PDB file of N, CA and C in Angstrom:
ATOM      1  N   MET A   1      17.043  62.479 -43.651  1.00  0.00           N
ATOM      2  CA  MET A   1      18.056  63.071 -42.809  1.00  0.00           C
ATOM      3  C   MET A   1      18.426  62.081 -41.711  1.00  0.00           C
ATOM      4  N   THR A   2      19.727  61.910 -41.502  1.00  0.00           N
ATOM      5  CA  THR A   2      20.219  61.031 -40.461  1.00  0.00           C
ATOM      6  C   THR A   2      20.404  61.831 -39.181  1.00  0.00           C
ATOM      7  N   GLU A   3      20.073  61.213 -38.052  1.00  0.00           N
ATOM      8  CA  GLU A   3      20.191  61.881 -36.756  1.00  0.00           C
ATOM      9  C   GLU A   3      20.982  61.013 -35.793  1.00  0.00           C
ATOM     10  N   ARG A   4      21.586  61.654 -34.800  1.00  0.00           N
ATOM     11  CA  ARG A   4      22.268  60.975 -33.707  1.00  0.00           C
ATOM     12  C   ARG A   4      21.778  61.608 -32.408  1.00  0.00           C
ATOM     13  N   ILE A   5      22.007  60.916 -31.303  1.00  0.00           N
ATOM     14  CA  ILE A   5      21.568  61.400 -29.993  1.00  0.00           C
ATOM     15  C   ILE A   5      22.787  61.678 -29.127  1.00  0.00           C
ATOM     16  N   VAL A   6      22.744  62.813 -28.440  1.00  0.00           N
ATOM     17  CA  VAL A   6      23.805  63.173 -27.504  1.00  0.00           C
ATOM     18  C   VAL A   6      23.193  63.335 -26.116  1.00  0.00           C
ATOM     19  N   SER A   7      23.970  62.975 -25.098  1.00  0.00           N
ATOM     20  CA  SER A   7      23.504  63.139 -23.726  1.00  0.00           C
ATOM     21  C   SER A   7      24.654  63.637 -22.858  1.00  0.00           C
ATOM     22  N   VAL A   8      24.312  64.089 -21.657  1.00  0.00           N
ATOM     23  CA  VAL A   8      25.293  64.624 -20.716  1.00  0.00           C
ATOM     24  C   VAL A   8      25.252  63.800 -19.437  1.00  0.00           C
ATOM     25  N   GLU A   9      26.412  63.386 -18.985  1.00  0.00           N
ATOM     26  CA  GLU A   9      26.551  62.693 -17.703  1.00  0.00           C
ATOM     27  C   GLU A   9      26.784  63.783 -16.653  1.00  0.00           C
ATOM     28  N   LYS A  10      25.710  64.227 -16.002  1.00  0.00           N
ATOM     29  CA  LYS A  10      25.779  65.381 -15.104  1.00  0.00           C
ATOM     30  C   LYS A  10      26.780  65.212 -13.967  1.00  0.00           C
ATOM     31  N   ASP A  11      26.982  63.996 -13.495  1.00  0.00           N
ATOM     32  CA  ASP A  11      27.916  63.763 -12.384  1.00  0.00           C
ATOM     33  C   ASP A  11      29.345  64.160 -12.742  1.00  0.00           C
ATOM     34  N   ASP A  12      29.659  64.201 -14.035  1.00  0.00           N
ATOM     35  CA  ASP A  12      31.009  64.536 -14.478  1.00  0.00           C
ATOM     36  C   ASP A  12      31.140  65.980 -14.955  1.00  0.00           C
ATOM     37  N   CYS A  13      30.043  66.725 -14.982  1.00  0.00           N
ATOM     38  CA  CYS A  13      30.052  68.099 -15.486  1.00  0.00           C
ATOM     39  C   CYS A  13      30.839  69.008 -14.548  1.00  0.00           C
ATOM     40  N   THR A  14      31.687  69.871 -15.135  1.00  0.00           N
ATOM     41  CA  THR A  14      32.495  70.820 -14.357  1.00  0.00           C
ATOM     42  C   THR A  14      31.862  72.210 -14.304  1.00  0.00           C
ATOM     43  N   SER A  15      30.679  72.365 -14.859  1.00  0.00           N
ATOM     44  CA  SER A  15      29.948  73.642 -14.882  1.00  0.00           C
ATOM     45  C   SER A  15      30.701  74.741 -15.636  1.00  0.00           C
ATOM     46  N   CYS A  16      31.459  74.360 -16.656  1.00  0.00           N
ATOM     47  CA  CYS A  16      32.221  75.363 -17.406  1.00  0.00           C
ATOM     48  C   CYS A  16      31.318  76.214 -18.302  1.00  0.00           C
ATOM     49  N   ASN A  17      30.147  75.698 -18.662  1.00  0.00           N
ATOM     50  CA  ASN A  17      29.148  76.416 -19.448  1.00  0.00           C
ATOM     51  C   ASN A  17      29.503  76.543 -20.934  1.00  0.00           C
ATOM     52  N   ALA A  18      30.606  75.938 -21.373  1.00  0.00           N
ATOM     53  CA  ALA A  18      31.030  76.084 -22.766  1.00  0.00           C
ATOM     54  C   ALA A  18      30.007  75.507 -23.740  1.00  0.00           C
ATOM     55  N   CYS A  19      29.513  74.320 -23.484  1.00  0.00           N
ATOM     56  CA  CYS A  19      28.570  73.700 -24.424  1.00  0.00           C
ATOM     57  C   CYS A  19      27.284  74.514 -24.532  1.00  0.00           C
ATOM     58  N   ALA A  20      26.790  75.006 -23.408  1.00  0.00           N
ATOM     59  CA  ALA A  20      25.556  75.803 -23.420  1.00  0.00           C
ATOM     60  C   ALA A  20      25.776  77.139 -24.119  1.00  0.00           C
ATOM     61  N   SER A  21      26.965  77.708 -23.977  1.00  0.00           N
ATOM     62  CA  SER A  21      27.271  78.968 -24.654  1.00  0.00           C
ATOM     63  C   SER A  21      27.454  78.765 -26.154  1.00  0.00           C
ATOM     64  N   ASN A  22      28.123  77.687 -26.528  1.00  0.00           N
ATOM     65  CA  ASN A  22      28.435  77.435 -27.933  1.00  0.00           C
ATOM     66  C   ASN A  22      27.273  76.837 -28.727  1.00  0.00           C
ATOM     67  N   LEU A  23      26.488  75.991 -28.099  1.00  0.00           N
ATOM     68  CA  LEU A  23      25.378  75.314 -28.785  1.00  0.00           C
ATOM     69  C   LEU A  23      24.111  75.338 -27.925  1.00  0.00           C
ATOM     70  N   PRO A  24      23.544  76.505 -27.685  1.00  0.00           N
ATOM     71  CA  PRO A  24      22.371  76.593 -26.816  1.00  0.00           C
ATOM     72  C   PRO A  24      21.135  75.868 -27.370  1.00  0.00           C
ATOM     73  N   ARG A  25      21.139  75.572 -28.651  1.00  0.00           N
ATOM     74  CA  ARG A  25      19.987  74.836 -29.196  1.00  0.00           C
ATOM     75  C   ARG A  25      19.976  73.376 -28.739  1.00  0.00           C
ATOM     76  N   TYR A  26      21.117  72.883 -28.207  1.00  0.00           N
ATOM     77  CA  TYR A  26      21.191  71.494 -27.735  1.00  0.00           C
ATOM     78  C   TYR A  26      21.586  71.354 -26.267  1.00  0.00           C
ATOM     79  N   PHE A  27      22.212  72.397 -25.692  1.00  0.00           N
ATOM     80  CA  PHE A  27      22.690  72.307 -24.311  1.00  0.00           C
ATOM     81  C   PHE A  27      22.221  73.514 -23.514  1.00  0.00           C
ATOM     82  N   GLN A  28      21.948  73.290 -22.242  1.00  0.00           N
ATOM     83  CA  GLN A  28      21.582  74.367 -21.324  1.00  0.00           C
ATOM     84  C   GLN A  28      22.091  73.985 -19.944  1.00  0.00           C
ATOM     85  N   MET A  29      22.158  74.979 -19.069  1.00  0.00           N
ATOM     86  CA  MET A  29      22.576  74.721 -17.695  1.00  0.00           C
ATOM     87  C   MET A  29      21.322  74.576 -16.834  1.00  0.00           C
ATOM     88  N   ASP A  30      21.319  73.598 -15.938  1.00  0.00           N
ATOM     89  CA  ASP A  30      20.150  73.379 -15.089  1.00  0.00           C
ATOM     90  C   ASP A  30      20.237  74.261 -13.837  1.00  0.00           C
ATOM     91  N   GLU A  31      19.309  74.084 -12.914  1.00  0.00           N
ATOM     92  CA  GLU A  31      19.248  74.907 -11.705  1.00  0.00           C
ATOM     93  C   GLU A  31      20.455  74.694 -10.789  1.00  0.00           C
ATOM     94  N   ASP A  32      21.180  73.600 -10.966  1.00  0.00           N
ATOM     95  CA  ASP A  32      22.390  73.328 -10.185  1.00  0.00           C
ATOM     96  C   ASP A  32      23.654  73.727 -10.949  1.00  0.00           C
ATOM     97  N   ASP A  33      23.491  74.447 -12.058  1.00  0.00           N
ATOM     98  CA  ASP A  33      24.586  74.900 -12.913  1.00  0.00           C
ATOM     99  C   ASP A  33      25.354  73.738 -13.531  1.00  0.00           C
ATOM    100  N   LEU A  34      24.626  72.685 -13.865  1.00  0.00           N
ATOM    101  CA  LEU A  34      25.194  71.538 -14.564  1.00  0.00           C
ATOM    102  C   LEU A  34      24.595  71.483 -15.964  1.00  0.00           C
ATOM    103  N   SER A  35      25.400  71.061 -16.909  1.00  0.00           N
ATOM    104  CA  SER A  35      24.931  70.979 -18.288  1.00  0.00           C
ATOM    105  C   SER A  35      23.903  69.862 -18.449  1.00  0.00           C
ATOM    106  N   GLU A  36      22.978  70.102 -19.355  1.00  0.00           N
ATOM    107  CA  GLU A  36      22.034  69.071 -19.764  1.00  0.00           C
ATOM    108  C   GLU A  36      21.724  69.297 -21.232  1.00  0.00           C
ATOM    109  N   SER A  37      21.424  68.225 -21.932  1.00  0.00           N
ATOM    110  CA  SER A  37      21.060  68.348 -23.333  1.00  0.00           C
ATOM    111  C   SER A  37      19.547  68.412 -23.442  1.00  0.00           C
ATOM    112  N   HIS A  38      19.080  69.048 -24.502  1.00  0.00           N
ATOM    113  CA  HIS A  38      17.643  69.232 -24.671  1.00  0.00           C
ATOM    114  C   HIS A  38      17.303  69.374 -26.155  1.00  0.00           C
ATOM    115  N   ASN A  39      16.055  69.202 -26.468  1.00  0.00           N
ATOM    116  CA  ASN A  39      15.514  69.483 -27.796  1.00  0.00           C
ATOM    117  C   ASN A  39      14.398  70.501 -27.642  1.00  0.00           C
ATOM    118  N   ASN A  40      14.586  71.642 -28.271  1.00  0.00           N
ATOM    119  CA  ASN A  40      13.573  72.693 -28.259  1.00  0.00           C
ATOM    120  C   ASN A  40      13.131  73.056 -26.850  1.00  0.00           C
ATOM    121  N   GLY A  41      14.083  73.099 -25.920  1.00  0.00           N
ATOM    122  CA  GLY A  41      13.774  73.478 -24.550  1.00  0.00           C
ATOM    123  C   GLY A  41      13.191  72.356 -23.713  1.00  0.00           C
ATOM    124  N   GLN A  42      12.842  71.249 -24.337  1.00  0.00           N
ATOM    125  CA  GLN A  42      12.300  70.113 -23.586  1.00  0.00           C
ATOM    126  C   GLN A  42      13.470  69.284 -23.068  1.00  0.00           C
ATOM    127  N   ASN A  43      13.644  69.277 -21.762  1.00  0.00           N
ATOM    128  CA  ASN A  43      14.768  68.575 -21.163  1.00  0.00           C
ATOM    129  C   ASN A  43      14.463  67.096 -21.017  1.00  0.00           C
ATOM    130  N   LEU A  44      15.161  66.304 -21.780  1.00  0.00           N
ATOM    131  CA  LEU A  44      15.096  64.854 -21.640  1.00  0.00           C
ATOM    132  C   LEU A  44      16.477  64.315 -21.308  1.00  0.00           C
ATOM    133  N   ASN A  45      17.428  65.253 -21.071  1.00  0.00           N
ATOM    134  CA  ASN A  45      18.851  64.982 -20.966  1.00  0.00           C
ATOM    135  C   ASN A  45      19.341  64.110 -22.105  1.00  0.00           C
ATOM    136  N   ARG A  46      18.798  64.374 -23.248  1.00  0.00           N
ATOM    137  CA  ARG A  46      19.260  63.806 -24.508  1.00  0.00           C
ATOM    138  C   ARG A  46      18.751  64.710 -25.605  1.00  0.00           C
ATOM    139  N   ALA A  47      19.536  64.855 -26.625  1.00  0.00           N
ATOM    140  CA  ALA A  47      19.152  65.720 -27.734  1.00  0.00           C
ATOM    141  C   ALA A  47      19.364  64.963 -29.036  1.00  0.00           C
ATOM    142  N   ILE A  48      18.417  65.101 -29.926  1.00  0.00           N
ATOM    143  CA  ILE A  48      18.540  64.518 -31.257  1.00  0.00           C
ATOM    144  C   ILE A  48      19.253  65.540 -32.132  1.00  0.00           C
ATOM    145  N   ILE A  49      20.384  65.146 -32.681  1.00  0.00           N
ATOM    146  CA  ILE A  49      21.238  66.047 -33.436  1.00  0.00           C
ATOM    147  C   ILE A  49      21.159  65.711 -34.925  1.00  0.00           C
ATOM    148  N   PRO A  50      20.740  66.661 -35.746  1.00  0.00           N
ATOM    149  CA  PRO A  50      20.729  66.416 -37.190  1.00  0.00           C
ATOM    150  C   PRO A  50      22.161  66.352 -37.733  1.00  0.00           C
ATOM    151  N   GLU A  51      22.324  65.659 -38.822  1.00  0.00           N
ATOM    152  CA  GLU A  51      23.644  65.405 -39.390  1.00  0.00           C
ATOM    153  C   GLU A  51      24.470  66.674 -39.617  1.00  0.00           C
ATOM    154  N   GLU A  52      23.823  67.757 -40.010  1.00  0.00           N
ATOM    155  CA  GLU A  52      24.575  68.984 -40.285  1.00  0.00           C
ATOM    156  C   GLU A  52      25.235  69.583 -39.033  1.00  0.00           C
ATOM    157  N   ASP A  53      24.841  69.144 -37.838  1.00  0.00           N
ATOM    158  CA  ASP A  53      25.436  69.660 -36.600  1.00  0.00           C
ATOM    159  C   ASP A  53      26.335  68.644 -35.894  1.00  0.00           C
ATOM    160  N   TRP A  54      26.564  67.500 -36.502  1.00  0.00           N
ATOM    161  CA  TRP A  54      27.397  66.482 -35.861  1.00  0.00           C
ATOM    162  C   TRP A  54      28.798  67.000 -35.547  1.00  0.00           C
ATOM    163  N   ASP A  55      29.413  67.717 -36.475  1.00  0.00           N
ATOM    164  CA  ASP A  55      30.771  68.208 -36.243  1.00  0.00           C
ATOM    165  C   ASP A  55      30.817  69.201 -35.085  1.00  0.00           C
ATOM    166  N   ALA A  56      29.836  70.078 -35.011  1.00  0.00           N
ATOM    167  CA  ALA A  56      29.792  71.065 -33.930  1.00  0.00           C
ATOM    168  C   ALA A  56      29.630  70.376 -32.575  1.00  0.00           C
ATOM    169  N   VAL A  57      28.757  69.373 -32.507  1.00  0.00           N
ATOM    170  CA  VAL A  57      28.565  68.638 -31.256  1.00  0.00           C
ATOM    171  C   VAL A  57      29.816  67.817 -30.930  1.00  0.00           C
ATOM    172  N   GLN A  58      30.413  67.215 -31.942  1.00  0.00           N
ATOM    173  CA  GLN A  58      31.646  66.451 -31.702  1.00  0.00           C
ATOM    174  C   GLN A  58      32.734  67.349 -31.137  1.00  0.00           C
ATOM    175  N   ASN A  59      32.795  68.586 -31.605  1.00  0.00           N
ATOM    176  CA  ASN A  59      33.765  69.534 -31.064  1.00  0.00           C
ATOM    177  C   ASN A  59      33.514  69.779 -29.577  1.00  0.00           C
ATOM    178  N   GLU A  60      32.237  69.916 -29.186  1.00  0.00           N
ATOM    179  CA  GLU A  60      31.923  70.096 -27.757  1.00  0.00           C
ATOM    180  C   GLU A  60      32.310  68.852 -26.959  1.00  0.00           C
ATOM    181  N   ILE A  61      32.085  67.686 -27.520  1.00  0.00           N
ATOM    182  CA  ILE A  61      32.492  66.434 -26.859  1.00  0.00           C
ATOM    183  C   ILE A  61      34.006  66.428 -26.653  1.00  0.00           C
ATOM    184  N   ASP A  62      34.742  66.780 -27.712  1.00  0.00           N
ATOM    185  CA  ASP A  62      36.198  66.754 -27.651  1.00  0.00           C
ATOM    186  C   ASP A  62      36.767  67.793 -26.700  1.00  0.00           C
ATOM    187  N   GLU A  63      36.111  68.945 -26.584  1.00  0.00           N
ATOM    188  CA  GLU A  63      36.626  70.045 -25.768  1.00  0.00           C
ATOM    189  C   GLU A  63      36.109  70.043 -24.327  1.00  0.00           C
ATOM    190  N   CYS A  64      35.164  69.192 -24.003  1.00  0.00           N
ATOM    191  CA  CYS A  64      34.553  69.186 -22.670  1.00  0.00           C
ATOM    192  C   CYS A  64      35.582  68.792 -21.607  1.00  0.00           C
ATOM    193  N   PRO A  65      35.857  69.691 -20.635  1.00  0.00           N
ATOM    194  CA  PRO A  65      36.857  69.370 -19.612  1.00  0.00           C
ATOM    195  C   PRO A  65      36.428  68.234 -18.685  1.00  0.00           C
ATOM    196  N   GLY A  66      35.135  68.027 -18.526  1.00  0.00           N
ATOM    197  CA  GLY A  66      34.645  66.951 -17.673  1.00  0.00           C
ATOM    198  C   GLY A  66      34.410  65.654 -18.417  1.00  0.00           C
ATOM    199  N   GLU A  67      34.594  65.685 -19.740  1.00  0.00           N
ATOM    200  CA  GLU A  67      34.346  64.517 -20.595  1.00  0.00           C
ATOM    201  C   GLU A  67      32.970  63.913 -20.311  1.00  0.00           C
ATOM    202  N   CYS A  68      31.978  64.792 -20.149  1.00  0.00           N
ATOM    203  CA  CYS A  68      30.652  64.328 -19.742  1.00  0.00           C
ATOM    204  C   CYS A  68      29.631  64.272 -20.883  1.00  0.00           C
ATOM    205  N   ILE A  69      30.005  64.712 -22.086  1.00  0.00           N
ATOM    206  CA  ILE A  69      29.076  64.706 -23.217  1.00  0.00           C
ATOM    207  C   ILE A  69      29.397  63.494 -24.081  1.00  0.00           C
ATOM    208  N   HIS A  70      28.345  62.732 -24.430  1.00  0.00           N
ATOM    209  CA  HIS A  70      28.558  61.472 -25.157  1.00  0.00           C
ATOM    210  C   HIS A  70      27.481  61.252 -26.214  1.00  0.00           C
ATOM    211  N   TRP A  71      27.886  60.622 -27.308  1.00  0.00           N
ATOM    212  CA  TRP A  71      26.897  60.103 -28.256  1.00  0.00           C
ATOM    213  C   TRP A  71      26.272  58.873 -27.606  1.00  0.00           C
ATOM    214  N   THR A  72      24.974  58.693 -27.764  1.00  0.00           N
ATOM    215  CA  THR A  72      24.284  57.541 -27.207  1.00  0.00           C
ATOM    216  C   THR A  72      23.459  56.867 -28.294  1.00  0.00           C
ATOM    217  N   LYS A  73      23.041  55.669 -27.999  1.00  0.00           N
ATOM    218  CA  LYS A  73      22.172  54.947 -28.930  1.00  0.00           C
ATOM    219  C   LYS A  73      20.733  55.294 -28.645  1.00  0.00           C
ATOM    220  N   LYS A  74      19.901  55.165 -29.662  1.00  0.00           N
ATOM    221  CA  LYS A  74      18.464  55.456 -29.495  1.00  0.00           C
ATOM    222  C   LYS A  74      17.827  54.495 -28.536  1.00  0.00           C
TER     223      LYS A  74
END
């Protein structure tokens, strides 16, 4: 299985909560109401995304009003 990593640039987050609502398995809101990515609840501000969810995550990247969600390198 091929995987990719996604992360959130919190400084650009608009606190819209869309990513956390749409994909809670990869995104959550922190105590400051800013998005962060996670794996299994472990916050590393990066999430490993399996290939079957790439399109769903790409949609969140494309729809993010703050343009704060990005694919990153390992």
